[in-house]
Amino acid sequence: MSAFTSILLISAVILAVIFGFIFAIGRKFKGENAGFGKAMMIVGVIGMVVCVIAAIIVAMA
């Protein structure tokens, strides 16, 4: 695996973790502001899925 591929894989994993934190913060805000919390949860889940798919594609290349 080249250095470029390794950097892409690591950055995809880091972004997935960041989106996981966004999802967790959204769950916290869901009780106080339902619309905002739900939107953050949706963004977190979509971001995690995209990052995981990108990591799989990079790992296969």
N, C-alpha and C. Protein backbone atom coordinates (compact mmCIF):
# COMPACT_ATOMS: atom_id res chain seq x y z
N MET A 1 0.85 -1.17 0.00
CA MET A 1 0.00 0.00 0.00
C MET A 1 0.90 1.24 0.00
N SER A 2 0.60 2.13 -0.90
CA SER A 2 1.44 3.33 -1.00
C SER A 2 1.10 4.31 0.13
N ALA A 3 1.96 5.30 0.26
CA ALA A 3 1.76 6.30 1.31
C ALA A 3 0.48 7.10 1.07
N PHE A 4 0.20 7.40 -0.19
CA PHE A 4 -1.01 8.16 -0.52
C PHE A 4 -2.27 7.39 -0.12
N THR A 5 -2.27 6.10 -0.42
CA THR A 5 -3.42 5.26 -0.06
C THR A 5 -3.58 5.18 1.45
N SER A 6 -2.46 5.07 2.16
CA SER A 6 -2.52 5.02 3.62
C SER A 6 -3.09 6.30 4.20
N ILE A 7 -2.67 7.44 3.66
CA ILE A 7 -3.17 8.73 4.14
C ILE A 7 -4.67 8.84 3.88
N LEU A 8 -5.12 8.41 2.69
CA LEU A 8 -6.55 8.46 2.39
C LEU A 8 -7.35 7.57 3.34
N LEU A 9 -6.82 6.39 3.62
CA LEU A 9 -7.52 5.45 4.51
C LEU A 9 -7.61 6.01 5.92
N ILE A 10 -6.50 6.54 6.42
CA ILE A 10 -6.48 7.10 7.78
C ILE A 10 -7.42 8.30 7.88
N SER A 11 -7.42 9.17 6.86
CA SER A 11 -8.29 10.34 6.92
C SER A 11 -9.76 9.94 6.84
N ALA A 12 -10.09 8.90 6.09
CA ALA A 12 -11.48 8.43 6.03
C ALA A 12 -11.93 7.90 7.39
N VAL A 13 -11.04 7.20 8.08
CA VAL A 13 -11.38 6.68 9.41
C VAL A 13 -11.55 7.83 10.41
N ILE A 14 -10.66 8.81 10.35
CA ILE A 14 -10.76 9.96 11.26
C ILE A 14 -12.06 10.73 11.01
N LEU A 15 -12.41 10.92 9.74
CA LEU A 15 -13.67 11.61 9.43
C LEU A 15 -14.87 10.81 9.92
N ALA A 16 -14.81 9.48 9.82
CA ALA A 16 -15.91 8.66 10.32
C ALA A 16 -16.07 8.83 11.83
N VAL A 17 -14.96 8.93 12.55
CA VAL A 17 -15.02 9.14 14.00
C VAL A 17 -15.62 10.51 14.31
N ILE A 18 -15.23 11.54 13.54
CA ILE A 18 -15.78 12.88 13.74
C ILE A 18 -17.28 12.88 13.51
N PHE A 19 -17.73 12.21 12.44
CA PHE A 19 -19.17 12.14 12.19
C PHE A 19 -19.88 11.34 13.28
N GLY A 20 -19.19 10.39 13.88
CA GLY A 20 -19.75 9.66 15.02
C GLY A 20 -19.98 10.59 16.21
N PHE A 21 -19.03 11.49 16.44
CA PHE A 21 -19.22 12.47 17.51
C PHE A 21 -20.38 13.41 17.20
N ILE A 22 -20.52 13.80 15.92
CA ILE A 22 -21.65 14.65 15.53
C ILE A 22 -22.97 13.93 15.81
N PHE A 23 -23.01 12.62 15.50
CA PHE A 23 -24.21 11.83 15.79
C PHE A 23 -24.51 11.81 17.29
N ALA A 24 -23.46 11.63 18.10
CA ALA A 24 -23.65 11.58 19.55
C ALA A 24 -24.13 12.92 20.10
N ILE A 25 -23.58 14.01 19.59
CA ILE A 25 -24.03 15.34 20.02
C ILE A 25 -25.48 15.56 19.60
N GLY A 26 -25.84 15.09 18.42
CA GLY A 26 -27.22 15.20 17.97
C GLY A 26 -28.18 14.45 18.87
N ARG A 27 -27.76 13.28 19.36
CA ARG A 27 -28.62 12.53 20.30
C ARG A 27 -28.81 13.31 21.59
N LYS A 28 -27.75 14.02 22.01
CA LYS A 28 -27.84 14.80 23.24
C LYS A 28 -28.82 15.97 23.07
N PHE A 29 -28.77 16.62 21.91
CA PHE A 29 -29.62 17.78 21.66
C PHE A 29 -31.06 17.39 21.29
N LYS A 30 -31.30 16.11 21.03
CA LYS A 30 -32.62 15.70 20.57
C LYS A 30 -33.70 16.01 21.61
N GLY A 31 -33.36 15.93 22.90
CA GLY A 31 -34.33 16.23 23.93
C GLY A 31 -34.65 17.71 24.04
N GLU A 32 -33.64 18.56 23.83
CA GLU A 32 -33.84 20.00 23.97
C GLU A 32 -34.45 20.61 22.72
N ASN A 33 -33.89 20.28 21.57
CA ASN A 33 -34.35 20.86 20.30
C ASN A 33 -34.47 19.70 19.31
N ALA A 34 -35.67 19.19 19.14
CA ALA A 34 -35.87 17.95 18.39
C ALA A 34 -35.41 18.07 16.94
N GLY A 35 -35.72 19.17 16.28
CA GLY A 35 -35.35 19.31 14.87
C GLY A 35 -33.85 19.37 14.66
N PHE A 36 -33.18 20.16 15.50
CA PHE A 36 -31.72 20.30 15.38
C PHE A 36 -31.02 18.98 15.70
N GLY A 37 -31.47 18.31 16.77
CA GLY A 37 -30.85 17.03 17.13
C GLY A 37 -31.04 15.98 16.06
N LYS A 38 -32.24 15.93 15.49
CA LYS A 38 -32.51 14.94 14.43
C LYS A 38 -31.67 15.23 13.20
N ALA A 39 -31.52 16.51 12.85
CA ALA A 39 -30.70 16.87 11.69
C ALA A 39 -29.24 16.49 11.92
N MET A 40 -28.73 16.72 13.13
CA MET A 40 -27.35 16.35 13.42
C MET A 40 -27.17 14.83 13.37
N MET A 41 -28.17 14.09 13.85
CA MET A 41 -28.08 12.63 13.80
C MET A 41 -28.06 12.13 12.36
N ILE A 42 -28.88 12.73 11.51
CA ILE A 42 -28.92 12.33 10.10
C ILE A 42 -27.60 12.64 9.42
N VAL A 43 -27.06 13.84 9.68
CA VAL A 43 -25.76 14.21 9.09
C VAL A 43 -24.67 13.26 9.58
N GLY A 44 -24.70 12.91 10.86
CA GLY A 44 -23.70 12.00 11.41
C GLY A 44 -23.75 10.63 10.78
N VAL A 45 -24.94 10.08 10.62
CA VAL A 45 -25.08 8.74 10.04
C VAL A 45 -24.66 8.74 8.57
N ILE A 46 -25.13 9.73 7.81
CA ILE A 46 -24.77 9.79 6.39
C ILE A 46 -23.27 9.97 6.23
N GLY A 47 -22.68 10.84 7.05
CA GLY A 47 -21.23 11.05 6.98
C GLY A 47 -20.44 9.80 7.30
N MET A 48 -20.88 9.07 8.33
CA MET A 48 -20.18 7.83 8.69
C MET A 48 -20.27 6.81 7.57
N VAL A 49 -21.45 6.66 6.98
CA VAL A 49 -21.63 5.68 5.91
C VAL A 49 -20.75 6.03 4.71
N VAL A 50 -20.73 7.30 4.34
CA VAL A 50 -19.90 7.73 3.20
C VAL A 50 -18.42 7.49 3.49
N CYS A 51 -17.98 7.79 4.70
CA CYS A 51 -16.57 7.58 5.04
C CYS A 51 -16.20 6.10 5.06
N VAL A 52 -17.09 5.26 5.55
CA VAL A 52 -16.81 3.82 5.57
C VAL A 52 -16.74 3.28 4.15
N ILE A 53 -17.66 3.70 3.29
CA ILE A 53 -17.63 3.26 1.89
C ILE A 53 -16.35 3.74 1.22
N ALA A 54 -15.95 4.99 1.48
CA ALA A 54 -14.70 5.51 0.90
C ALA A 54 -13.50 4.73 1.40
N ALA A 55 -13.49 4.37 2.68
CA ALA A 55 -12.37 3.60 3.22
C ALA A 55 -12.30 2.22 2.59
N ILE A 56 -13.45 1.59 2.35
CA ILE A 56 -13.46 0.27 1.70
C ILE A 56 -12.95 0.38 0.27
N ILE A 57 -13.38 1.41 -0.44
CA ILE A 57 -12.92 1.59 -1.83
C ILE A 57 -11.42 1.83 -1.87
N VAL A 58 -10.92 2.67 -0.96
CA VAL A 58 -9.47 2.95 -0.93
C VAL A 58 -8.70 1.69 -0.57
N ALA A 59 -9.21 0.90 0.37
CA ALA A 59 -8.51 -0.31 0.78
C ALA A 59 -8.46 -1.35 -0.34
N MET A 60 -9.48 -1.37 -1.21
CA MET A 60 -9.48 -2.34 -2.31
C MET A 60 -8.58 -1.90 -3.45
N ALA A 61 -8.29 -0.61 -3.55
CA ALA A 61 -7.49 -0.11 -4.68
C ALA A 61 -6.04 -0.48 -4.54
